[in-house]
Amino acid sequence: MKVRGIAIGIFLLSSAAFGQTRPFDIQLSYGGWTLSPFRTVVERECEDLIRNEFDKLVGSAISGVFLSPFLSNVDLSSSGHVFSLALWYRFGQSRFSAGVRGDYFAFRLPYSLSVEEALEIPGFPPATLKGQGRGTVRLNGLAVSFLGRWTPLSTHRLDLSLQAGLLRLPFQGEILLDQTMALQTPLGNLRFSGRFDHTFDQVRALGLDVPSLIVSPTLGIELHYRLAAEAGIFINVTAAQGTFYAGGLFFSF
């Protein structure tokens, strides 16, 4: 009985030492991204950028005809991929950890837009302006997240964790727009087309108010499965300027 008690004590001490000797986790993952189901700052800024460039292209073709921006309808979709590297530190034997994660992201946002406006041109009969455009907004760069993690469920192999923190996302990339317009009047019709292809830095240099950085809260859930004492696999889903979903490997040391 005494021997058995000593054996149990040694086991508990070794288990505690084992946990303390591996307080760090490194995670490597790859995943995807979509704007759905949220309406985010990224989406609003992209839509504003698209409308501004559309109005400028139209204005350059029929300068002085209209006095206010067009009420254009933008249909925006999204997809992307993310490579991530995260480092976590566990606070002793508690269920809490702190970490930092870097994400290399490449997002693609194809869009289409349309407009139909009645124009009143002084000295001319009423005219109708109809137009449509298609293009793509591409975002890319390195985002950084500062995170806290709580693990309410932990077994020998399986951990379920909740995460929260702040995301620092650079708003950089390029926008491509091809548009065609038709101006219909009783005196005849006019058709014209235009193209816009600029980086965000070039757009800012033209005077548009486009942010260079977006900071937002991030919330996520993560599931770990330990294959060995020092390694395993995981999946996570994160809500931050859209939805991120990823899977990968983790290593404890």
C-alpha atoms as a PDB file:
ATOM      1  CA  MET A   1       0.000   0.000   0.000  1.00  0.00           C
ATOM      2  CA  LYS A   2       2.858   2.302   0.903  1.00  0.00           C
ATOM      3  CA  VAL A   3       4.653   1.463  -2.341  1.00  0.00           C
ATOM      4  CA  ARG A   4       1.497   2.172  -4.281  1.00  0.00           C
ATOM      5  CA  GLY A   5       1.131   5.563  -2.615  1.00  0.00           C
ATOM      6  CA  ILE A   6       4.738   6.460  -3.433  1.00  0.00           C
ATOM      7  CA  ALA A   7       4.195   5.434  -7.045  1.00  0.00           C
ATOM      8  CA  ILE A   8       1.113   7.644  -7.320  1.00  0.00           C
ATOM      9  CA  GLY A   9       3.021  10.577  -5.780  1.00  0.00           C
ATOM     10  CA  ILE A  10       5.894  10.173  -8.219  1.00  0.00           C
ATOM     11  CA  PHE A  11       3.449  10.042 -11.111  1.00  0.00           C
ATOM     12  CA  LEU A  12       1.716  13.279 -10.032  1.00  0.00           C
ATOM     13  CA  LEU A  13       4.990  15.090  -9.543  1.00  0.00           C
ATOM     14  CA  SER A  14       6.301  13.958 -12.908  1.00  0.00           C
ATOM     15  CA  SER A  15       3.061  15.022 -14.550  1.00  0.00           C
ATOM     16  CA  ALA A  16       3.337  18.492 -13.020  1.00  0.00           C
ATOM     17  CA  ALA A  17       6.978  18.765 -14.064  1.00  0.00           C
ATOM     18  CA  PHE A  18       6.059  17.593 -17.537  1.00  0.00           C
ATOM     19  CA  GLY A  19       3.472  20.354 -17.855  1.00  0.00           C
ATOM     20  CA  GLN A  20       5.888  22.987 -16.600  1.00  0.00           C
ATOM     21  CA  THR A  21       8.692  21.943 -18.937  1.00  0.00           C
ATOM     22  CA  ARG A  22       6.508  22.591 -21.991  1.00  0.00           C
ATOM     23  CA  PRO A  23       4.870  25.970 -21.356  1.00  0.00           C
ATOM     24  CA  PHE A  24       5.187  27.098 -24.983  1.00  0.00           C
ATOM     25  CA  ASP A  25       3.185  26.100 -28.056  1.00  0.00           C
ATOM     26  CA  ILE A  26       4.062  26.907 -31.659  1.00  0.00           C
ATOM     27  CA  GLN A  27       1.267  26.615 -34.213  1.00  0.00           C
ATOM     28  CA  LEU A  28       1.596  26.411 -37.994  1.00  0.00           C
ATOM     29  CA  SER A  29      -1.583  26.575 -40.027  1.00  0.00           C
ATOM     30  CA  TYR A  30      -3.146  27.230 -43.408  1.00  0.00           C
ATOM     31  CA  GLY A  31      -6.720  28.247 -44.044  1.00  0.00           C
ATOM     32  CA  GLY A  32      -9.272  30.347 -45.857  1.00  0.00           C
ATOM     33  CA  TRP A  33     -11.186  33.579 -45.396  1.00  0.00           C
ATOM     34  CA  THR A  34     -14.545  35.064 -46.365  1.00  0.00           C
ATOM     35  CA  LEU A  35     -16.445  38.233 -45.506  1.00  0.00           C
ATOM     36  CA  SER A  36     -19.593  36.242 -44.714  1.00  0.00           C
ATOM     37  CA  PRO A  37     -21.660  36.417 -42.595  1.00  0.00           C
ATOM     38  CA  PHE A  38     -20.545  39.783 -41.207  1.00  0.00           C
ATOM     39  CA  ARG A  39     -20.521  43.310 -42.552  1.00  0.00           C
ATOM     40  CA  THR A  40     -17.031  44.502 -41.697  1.00  0.00           C
ATOM     41  CA  VAL A  41     -14.859  47.590 -41.956  1.00  0.00           C
ATOM     42  CA  VAL A  42     -12.969  45.891 -44.793  1.00  0.00           C
ATOM     43  CA  GLU A  43     -16.203  45.452 -46.755  1.00  0.00           C
ATOM     44  CA  ARG A  44     -17.385  49.031 -46.185  1.00  0.00           C
ATOM     45  CA  GLU A  45     -14.014  50.514 -47.140  1.00  0.00           C
ATOM     46  CA  CYS A  46     -13.832  48.395 -50.302  1.00  0.00           C
ATOM     47  CA  GLU A  47     -17.342  49.422 -51.349  1.00  0.00           C
ATOM     48  CA  ASP A  48     -16.552  53.118 -50.763  1.00  0.00           C
ATOM     49  CA  LEU A  49     -13.350  52.773 -52.760  1.00  0.00           C
ATOM     50  CA  ILE A  50     -15.173  51.073 -55.647  1.00  0.00           C
ATOM     51  CA  ARG A  51     -17.915  53.730 -55.757  1.00  0.00           C
ATOM     52  CA  ASN A  52     -15.418  56.589 -55.627  1.00  0.00           C
ATOM     53  CA  GLU A  53     -13.401  55.224 -58.516  1.00  0.00           C
ATOM     54  CA  PHE A  54     -16.534  54.486 -60.523  1.00  0.00           C
ATOM     55  CA  ASP A  55     -17.754  58.064 -60.059  1.00  0.00           C
ATOM     56  CA  LYS A  56     -14.363  59.437 -61.059  1.00  0.00           C
ATOM     57  CA  LEU A  57     -14.307  57.406 -64.267  1.00  0.00           C
ATOM     58  CA  VAL A  58     -17.786  58.579 -65.193  1.00  0.00           C
ATOM     59  CA  GLY A  59     -16.985  62.161 -64.288  1.00  0.00           C
ATOM     60  CA  SER A  60     -13.889  62.177 -66.470  1.00  0.00           C
ATOM     61  CA  ALA A  61     -16.030  61.160 -69.457  1.00  0.00           C
ATOM     62  CA  ILE A  62     -18.973  63.545 -68.936  1.00  0.00           C
ATOM     63  CA  SER A  63     -17.374  66.290 -66.884  1.00  0.00           C
ATOM     64  CA  GLY A  64     -19.823  68.858 -65.518  1.00  0.00           C
ATOM     65  CA  VAL A  65     -22.964  66.859 -66.328  1.00  0.00           C
ATOM     66  CA  PHE A  66     -23.772  65.645 -62.842  1.00  0.00           C
ATOM     67  CA  LEU A  67     -23.523  67.485 -59.559  1.00  0.00           C
ATOM     68  CA  SER A  68     -23.532  64.646 -57.019  1.00  0.00           C
ATOM     69  CA  PRO A  69     -22.184  61.075 -56.705  1.00  0.00           C
ATOM     70  CA  PHE A  70     -24.187  58.285 -58.304  1.00  0.00           C
ATOM     71  CA  LEU A  71     -26.199  55.859 -56.200  1.00  0.00           C
ATOM     72  CA  SER A  72     -24.488  52.754 -57.547  1.00  0.00           C
ATOM     73  CA  ASN A  73     -25.275  49.229 -56.381  1.00  0.00           C
ATOM     74  CA  VAL A  74     -22.225  47.124 -55.496  1.00  0.00           C
ATOM     75  CA  ASP A  75     -22.341  43.326 -55.373  1.00  0.00           C
ATOM     76  CA  LEU A  76     -19.210  42.166 -53.574  1.00  0.00           C
ATOM     77  CA  SER A  77     -18.009  38.577 -53.022  1.00  0.00           C
ATOM     78  CA  SER A  78     -14.887  37.366 -51.260  1.00  0.00           C
ATOM     79  CA  SER A  79     -12.360  34.578 -50.879  1.00  0.00           C
ATOM     80  CA  GLY A  80      -8.803  34.248 -49.689  1.00  0.00           C
ATOM     81  CA  HIS A  81      -6.120  32.200 -48.011  1.00  0.00           C
ATOM     82  CA  VAL A  82      -4.010  32.690 -44.895  1.00  0.00           C
ATOM     83  CA  PHE A  83      -0.706  31.216 -43.675  1.00  0.00           C
ATOM     84  CA  SER A  84      -0.287  31.600 -39.913  1.00  0.00           C
ATOM     85  CA  LEU A  85       2.413  31.219 -37.287  1.00  0.00           C
ATOM     86  CA  ALA A  86       1.487  31.590 -33.603  1.00  0.00           C
ATOM     87  CA  LEU A  87       3.384  31.410 -30.334  1.00  0.00           C
ATOM     88  CA  TRP A  88       1.544  30.722 -27.059  1.00  0.00           C
ATOM     89  CA  TYR A  89       2.672  30.740 -23.432  1.00  0.00           C
ATOM     90  CA  ARG A  90       0.713  28.861 -20.764  1.00  0.00           C
ATOM     91  CA  PHE A  91       0.617  30.329 -17.258  1.00  0.00           C
ATOM     92  CA  GLY A  92       1.742  27.418 -15.093  1.00  0.00           C
ATOM     93  CA  GLN A  93      -0.964  24.827 -14.611  1.00  0.00           C
ATOM     94  CA  SER A  94      -3.815  27.274 -15.261  1.00  0.00           C
ATOM     95  CA  ARG A  95      -6.228  27.163 -18.167  1.00  0.00           C
ATOM     96  CA  PHE A  96      -5.067  30.562 -19.485  1.00  0.00           C
ATOM     97  CA  SER A  97      -2.500  31.377 -22.155  1.00  0.00           C
ATOM     98  CA  ALA A  98      -1.258  34.480 -23.937  1.00  0.00           C
ATOM     99  CA  GLY A  99      -0.053  34.529 -27.494  1.00  0.00           C
ATOM    100  CA  VAL A 100       0.808  36.422 -30.633  1.00  0.00           C
ATOM    101  CA  ARG A 101      -0.020  35.306 -34.167  1.00  0.00           C
ATOM    102  CA  GLY A 102       1.231  36.493 -37.537  1.00  0.00           C
ATOM    103  CA  ASP A 103      -0.916  35.930 -40.629  1.00  0.00           C
ATOM    104  CA  TYR A 104       0.231  36.317 -44.205  1.00  0.00           C
ATOM    105  CA  PHE A 105      -3.016  36.913 -46.080  1.00  0.00           C
ATOM    106  CA  ALA A 106      -4.071  37.215 -49.701  1.00  0.00           C
ATOM    107  CA  PHE A 107      -7.732  38.199 -50.120  1.00  0.00           C
ATOM    108  CA  ARG A 108      -9.637  38.523 -53.377  1.00  0.00           C
ATOM    109  CA  LEU A 109     -12.909  40.461 -53.627  1.00  0.00           C
ATOM    110  CA  PRO A 110     -14.524  40.282 -57.098  1.00  0.00           C
ATOM    111  CA  TYR A 111     -17.380  42.716 -57.564  1.00  0.00           C
ATOM    112  CA  SER A 112     -19.910  44.079 -60.000  1.00  0.00           C
ATOM    113  CA  LEU A 113     -21.817  47.330 -59.849  1.00  0.00           C
ATOM    114  CA  SER A 114     -24.590  49.033 -61.758  1.00  0.00           C
ATOM    115  CA  VAL A 115     -26.175  52.462 -61.912  1.00  0.00           C
ATOM    116  CA  GLU A 116     -29.134  54.094 -63.635  1.00  0.00           C
ATOM    117  CA  GLU A 117     -29.620  57.834 -63.176  1.00  0.00           C
ATOM    118  CA  ALA A 118     -31.885  60.479 -64.670  1.00  0.00           C
ATOM    119  CA  LEU A 119     -29.795  63.537 -65.505  1.00  0.00           C
ATOM    120  CA  GLU A 120     -30.965  67.110 -65.943  1.00  0.00           C
ATOM    121  CA  ILE A 121     -28.541  69.013 -68.126  1.00  0.00           C
ATOM    122  CA  PRO A 122     -29.200  72.773 -68.383  1.00  0.00           C
ATOM    123  CA  GLY A 123     -30.264  73.673 -71.909  1.00  0.00           C
ATOM    124  CA  PHE A 124     -30.797  70.044 -72.975  1.00  0.00           C
ATOM    125  CA  PRO A 125     -33.661  67.540 -72.807  1.00  0.00           C
ATOM    126  CA  PRO A 126     -33.667  65.025 -69.920  1.00  0.00           C
ATOM    127  CA  ALA A 127     -31.132  62.220 -70.280  1.00  0.00           C
ATOM    128  CA  THR A 128     -30.677  58.772 -68.733  1.00  0.00           C
ATOM    129  CA  LEU A 129     -27.318  57.411 -67.698  1.00  0.00           C
ATOM    130  CA  LYS A 130     -26.941  53.624 -67.492  1.00  0.00           C
ATOM    131  CA  GLY A 131     -23.708  51.934 -66.541  1.00  0.00           C
ATOM    132  CA  GLN A 132     -22.110  48.825 -65.204  1.00  0.00           C
ATOM    133  CA  GLY A 133     -18.682  47.814 -64.065  1.00  0.00           C
ATOM    134  CA  ARG A 134     -16.726  44.779 -62.998  1.00  0.00           C
ATOM    135  CA  GLY A 135     -13.451  44.385 -61.235  1.00  0.00           C
ATOM    136  CA  THR A 136     -11.491  42.976 -58.351  1.00  0.00           C
ATOM    137  CA  VAL A 137     -10.065  44.305 -55.114  1.00  0.00           C
ATOM    138  CA  ARG A 138      -7.001  42.414 -53.915  1.00  0.00           C
ATOM    139  CA  LEU A 139      -5.716  42.711 -50.360  1.00  0.00           C
ATOM    140  CA  ASN A 140      -2.454  41.257 -49.124  1.00  0.00           C
ATOM    141  CA  GLY A 141       0.036  41.733 -46.343  1.00  0.00           C
ATOM    142  CA  LEU A 142       1.040  40.606 -42.871  1.00  0.00           C
ATOM    143  CA  ALA A 143      -1.497  40.890 -40.058  1.00  0.00           C
ATOM    144  CA  VAL A 144      -0.656  40.538 -36.358  1.00  0.00           C
ATOM    145  CA  SER A 145      -3.004  39.446 -33.553  1.00  0.00           C
ATOM    146  CA  PHE A 146      -2.448  39.769 -29.800  1.00  0.00           C
ATOM    147  CA  LEU A 147      -4.490  37.070 -28.086  1.00  0.00           C
ATOM    148  CA  GLY A 148      -5.610  35.529 -24.860  1.00  0.00           C
ATOM    149  CA  ARG A 149      -6.817  31.927 -24.634  1.00  0.00           C
ATOM    150  CA  TRP A 150      -8.976  30.082 -22.112  1.00  0.00           C
ATOM    151  CA  THR A 151      -9.311  26.280 -22.203  1.00  0.00           C
ATOM    152  CA  PRO A 152     -12.559  25.244 -20.444  1.00  0.00           C
ATOM    153  CA  LEU A 153     -12.339  21.632 -21.645  1.00  0.00           C
ATOM    154  CA  SER A 154      -9.128  19.620 -21.409  1.00  0.00           C
ATOM    155  CA  THR A 155      -8.580  15.867 -21.489  1.00  0.00           C
ATOM    156  CA  HIS A 156      -5.550  13.649 -22.010  1.00  0.00           C
ATOM    157  CA  ARG A 157      -5.613  14.263 -25.777  1.00  0.00           C
ATOM    158  CA  LEU A 158      -8.347  16.800 -26.512  1.00  0.00           C
ATOM    159  CA  ASP A 159      -8.479  20.533 -25.672  1.00  0.00           C
ATOM    160  CA  LEU A 160     -11.263  22.993 -26.493  1.00  0.00           C
ATOM    161  CA  SER A 161     -10.243  26.658 -26.232  1.00  0.00           C
ATOM    162  CA  LEU A 162     -11.798  30.093 -26.643  1.00  0.00           C
ATOM    163  CA  GLN A 163      -9.729  33.029 -27.866  1.00  0.00           C
ATOM    164  CA  ALA A 164     -10.090  36.805 -27.837  1.00  0.00           C
ATOM    165  CA  GLY A 165      -7.837  39.723 -28.659  1.00  0.00           C
ATOM    166  CA  LEU A 166      -7.014  42.454 -31.145  1.00  0.00           C
ATOM    167  CA  LEU A 167      -6.220  42.143 -34.847  1.00  0.00           C
ATOM    168  CA  ARG A 168      -3.920  44.599 -36.605  1.00  0.00           C
ATOM    169  CA  LEU A 169      -4.660  44.344 -40.340  1.00  0.00           C
ATOM    170  CA  PRO A 170      -2.834  46.497 -42.924  1.00  0.00           C
ATOM    171  CA  PHE A 171      -5.272  47.765 -45.553  1.00  0.00           C
ATOM    172  CA  GLN A 172      -3.113  47.493 -48.656  1.00  0.00           C
ATOM    173  CA  GLY A 173      -3.401  45.990 -52.103  1.00  0.00           C
ATOM    174  CA  GLU A 174      -4.810  47.070 -55.469  1.00  0.00           C
ATOM    175  CA  ILE A 175      -8.114  47.753 -57.189  1.00  0.00           C
ATOM    176  CA  LEU A 176      -9.049  46.958 -60.789  1.00  0.00           C
ATOM    177  CA  LEU A 177     -12.188  48.404 -62.417  1.00  0.00           C
ATOM    178  CA  ASP A 178     -13.519  48.049 -65.970  1.00  0.00           C
ATOM    179  CA  GLN A 179     -16.708  49.980 -66.683  1.00  0.00           C
ATOM    180  CA  THR A 180     -18.995  50.781 -69.605  1.00  0.00           C
ATOM    181  CA  MET A 181     -21.564  53.576 -69.703  1.00  0.00           C
ATOM    182  CA  ALA A 182     -24.407  54.625 -71.998  1.00  0.00           C
ATOM    183  CA  LEU A 183     -25.879  58.143 -71.974  1.00  0.00           C
ATOM    184  CA  GLN A 184     -29.313  58.103 -73.630  1.00  0.00           C
ATOM    185  CA  THR A 185     -30.853  61.423 -74.754  1.00  0.00           C
ATOM    186  CA  PRO A 186     -33.488  62.459 -77.299  1.00  0.00           C
ATOM    187  CA  LEU A 187     -30.615  63.867 -79.348  1.00  0.00           C
ATOM    188  CA  GLY A 188     -28.754  60.552 -79.520  1.00  0.00           C
ATOM    189  CA  ASN A 189     -26.838  58.062 -77.455  1.00  0.00           C
ATOM    190  CA  LEU A 190     -23.267  58.164 -76.190  1.00  0.00           C
ATOM    191  CA  ARG A 191     -21.246  55.116 -75.142  1.00  0.00           C
ATOM    192  CA  PHE A 192     -17.886  55.127 -73.445  1.00  0.00           C
ATOM    193  CA  SER A 193     -15.719  52.872 -71.319  1.00  0.00           C
ATOM    194  CA  GLY A 194     -12.930  53.279 -68.829  1.00  0.00           C
ATOM    195  CA  ARG A 195     -10.406  51.329 -66.802  1.00  0.00           C
ATOM    196  CA  PHE A 196      -8.857  51.929 -63.410  1.00  0.00           C
ATOM    197  CA  ASP A 197      -5.931  49.893 -62.079  1.00  0.00           C
ATOM    198  CA  HIS A 198      -4.100  51.301 -59.069  1.00  0.00           C
ATOM    199  CA  THR A 199      -2.508  50.254 -55.814  1.00  0.00           C
ATOM    200  CA  PHE A 200      -3.996  51.576 -52.589  1.00  0.00           C
ATOM    201  CA  ASP A 201      -0.953  53.817 -52.120  1.00  0.00           C
ATOM    202  CA  GLN A 202      -1.601  55.383 -55.525  1.00  0.00           C
ATOM    203  CA  VAL A 203      -5.263  55.865 -54.629  1.00  0.00           C
ATOM    204  CA  ARG A 204      -4.280  57.637 -51.401  1.00  0.00           C
ATOM    205  CA  ALA A 205      -1.883  59.855 -53.388  1.00  0.00           C
ATOM    206  CA  LEU A 206      -4.863  60.917 -55.529  1.00  0.00           C
ATOM    207  CA  GLY A 207      -6.518  62.320 -52.415  1.00  0.00           C
ATOM    208  CA  LEU A 208      -8.992  59.613 -51.427  1.00  0.00           C
ATOM    209  CA  ASP A 209      -9.452  58.935 -47.730  1.00  0.00           C
ATOM    210  CA  VAL A 210      -8.433  55.258 -47.613  1.00  0.00           C
ATOM    211  CA  PRO A 211      -7.160  53.885 -44.270  1.00  0.00           C
ATOM    212  CA  SER A 212      -3.772  52.212 -44.167  1.00  0.00           C
ATOM    213  CA  LEU A 213      -4.499  50.132 -41.051  1.00  0.00           C
ATOM    214  CA  ILE A 214      -7.566  48.465 -39.532  1.00  0.00           C
ATOM    215  CA  VAL A 215      -7.611  47.422 -35.863  1.00  0.00           C
ATOM    216  CA  SER A 216     -10.502  45.294 -34.681  1.00  0.00           C
ATOM    217  CA  PRO A 217     -11.453  42.769 -31.994  1.00  0.00           C
ATOM    218  CA  THR A 218     -11.133  39.081 -32.754  1.00  0.00           C
ATOM    219  CA  LEU A 219     -12.997  36.107 -31.284  1.00  0.00           C
ATOM    220  CA  GLY A 220     -12.338  32.446 -32.000  1.00  0.00           C
ATOM    221  CA  ILE A 221     -12.740  28.837 -30.998  1.00  0.00           C
ATOM    222  CA  GLU A 222     -10.046  26.169 -31.338  1.00  0.00           C
ATOM    223  CA  LEU A 223      -9.913  22.392 -31.003  1.00  0.00           C
ATOM    224  CA  HIS A 224      -6.619  20.582 -30.275  1.00  0.00           C
ATOM    225  CA  TYR A 225      -5.907  16.887 -30.584  1.00  0.00           C
ATOM    226  CA  ARG A 226      -2.594  15.763 -29.089  1.00  0.00           C
ATOM    227  CA  LEU A 227      -0.862  13.015 -31.075  1.00  0.00           C
ATOM    228  CA  ALA A 228       2.080  12.867 -28.676  1.00  0.00           C
ATOM    229  CA  ALA A 229       3.320  14.687 -25.595  1.00  0.00           C
ATOM    230  CA  GLU A 230       4.979  17.373 -27.699  1.00  0.00           C
ATOM    231  CA  ALA A 231       2.874  17.582 -30.881  1.00  0.00           C
ATOM    232  CA  GLY A 232      -0.620  17.447 -32.297  1.00  0.00           C
ATOM    233  CA  ILE A 233      -3.116  18.847 -34.775  1.00  0.00           C
ATOM    234  CA  PHE A 234      -5.718  21.594 -34.431  1.00  0.00           C
ATOM    235  CA  ILE A 235      -8.515  23.446 -36.207  1.00  0.00           C
ATOM    236  CA  ASN A 236      -9.918  26.874 -35.483  1.00  0.00           C
ATOM    237  CA  VAL A 237     -12.550  29.352 -36.598  1.00  0.00           C
ATOM    238  CA  THR A 238     -12.078  33.074 -35.951  1.00  0.00           C
ATOM    239  CA  ALA A 239     -14.366  36.051 -36.432  1.00  0.00           C
ATOM    240  CA  ALA A 240     -12.354  39.196 -37.245  1.00  0.00           C
ATOM    241  CA  GLN A 241     -13.024  41.327 -40.338  1.00  0.00           C
ATOM    242  CA  GLY A 242     -14.790  38.324 -41.812  1.00  0.00           C
ATOM    243  CA  THR A 243     -14.427  34.648 -40.976  1.00  0.00           C
ATOM    244  CA  PHE A 244     -11.106  32.824 -40.863  1.00  0.00           C
ATOM    245  CA  TYR A 245     -10.984  29.015 -40.776  1.00  0.00           C
ATOM    246  CA  ALA A 246      -7.755  27.042 -40.568  1.00  0.00           C
ATOM    247  CA  GLY A 247      -6.074  23.810 -39.584  1.00  0.00           C
ATOM    248  CA  GLY A 248      -2.520  22.826 -38.843  1.00  0.00           C
ATOM    249  CA  LEU A 249       0.073  21.446 -36.452  1.00  0.00           C
ATOM    250  CA  PHE A 250       1.202  22.503 -33.013  1.00  0.00           C
ATOM    251  CA  PHE A 251       4.391  21.692 -31.115  1.00  0.00           C
ATOM    252  CA  SER A 252       4.931  22.054 -27.355  1.00  0.00           C
ATOM    253  CA  PHE A 253       8.318  22.793 -25.795  1.00  0.00           C
END
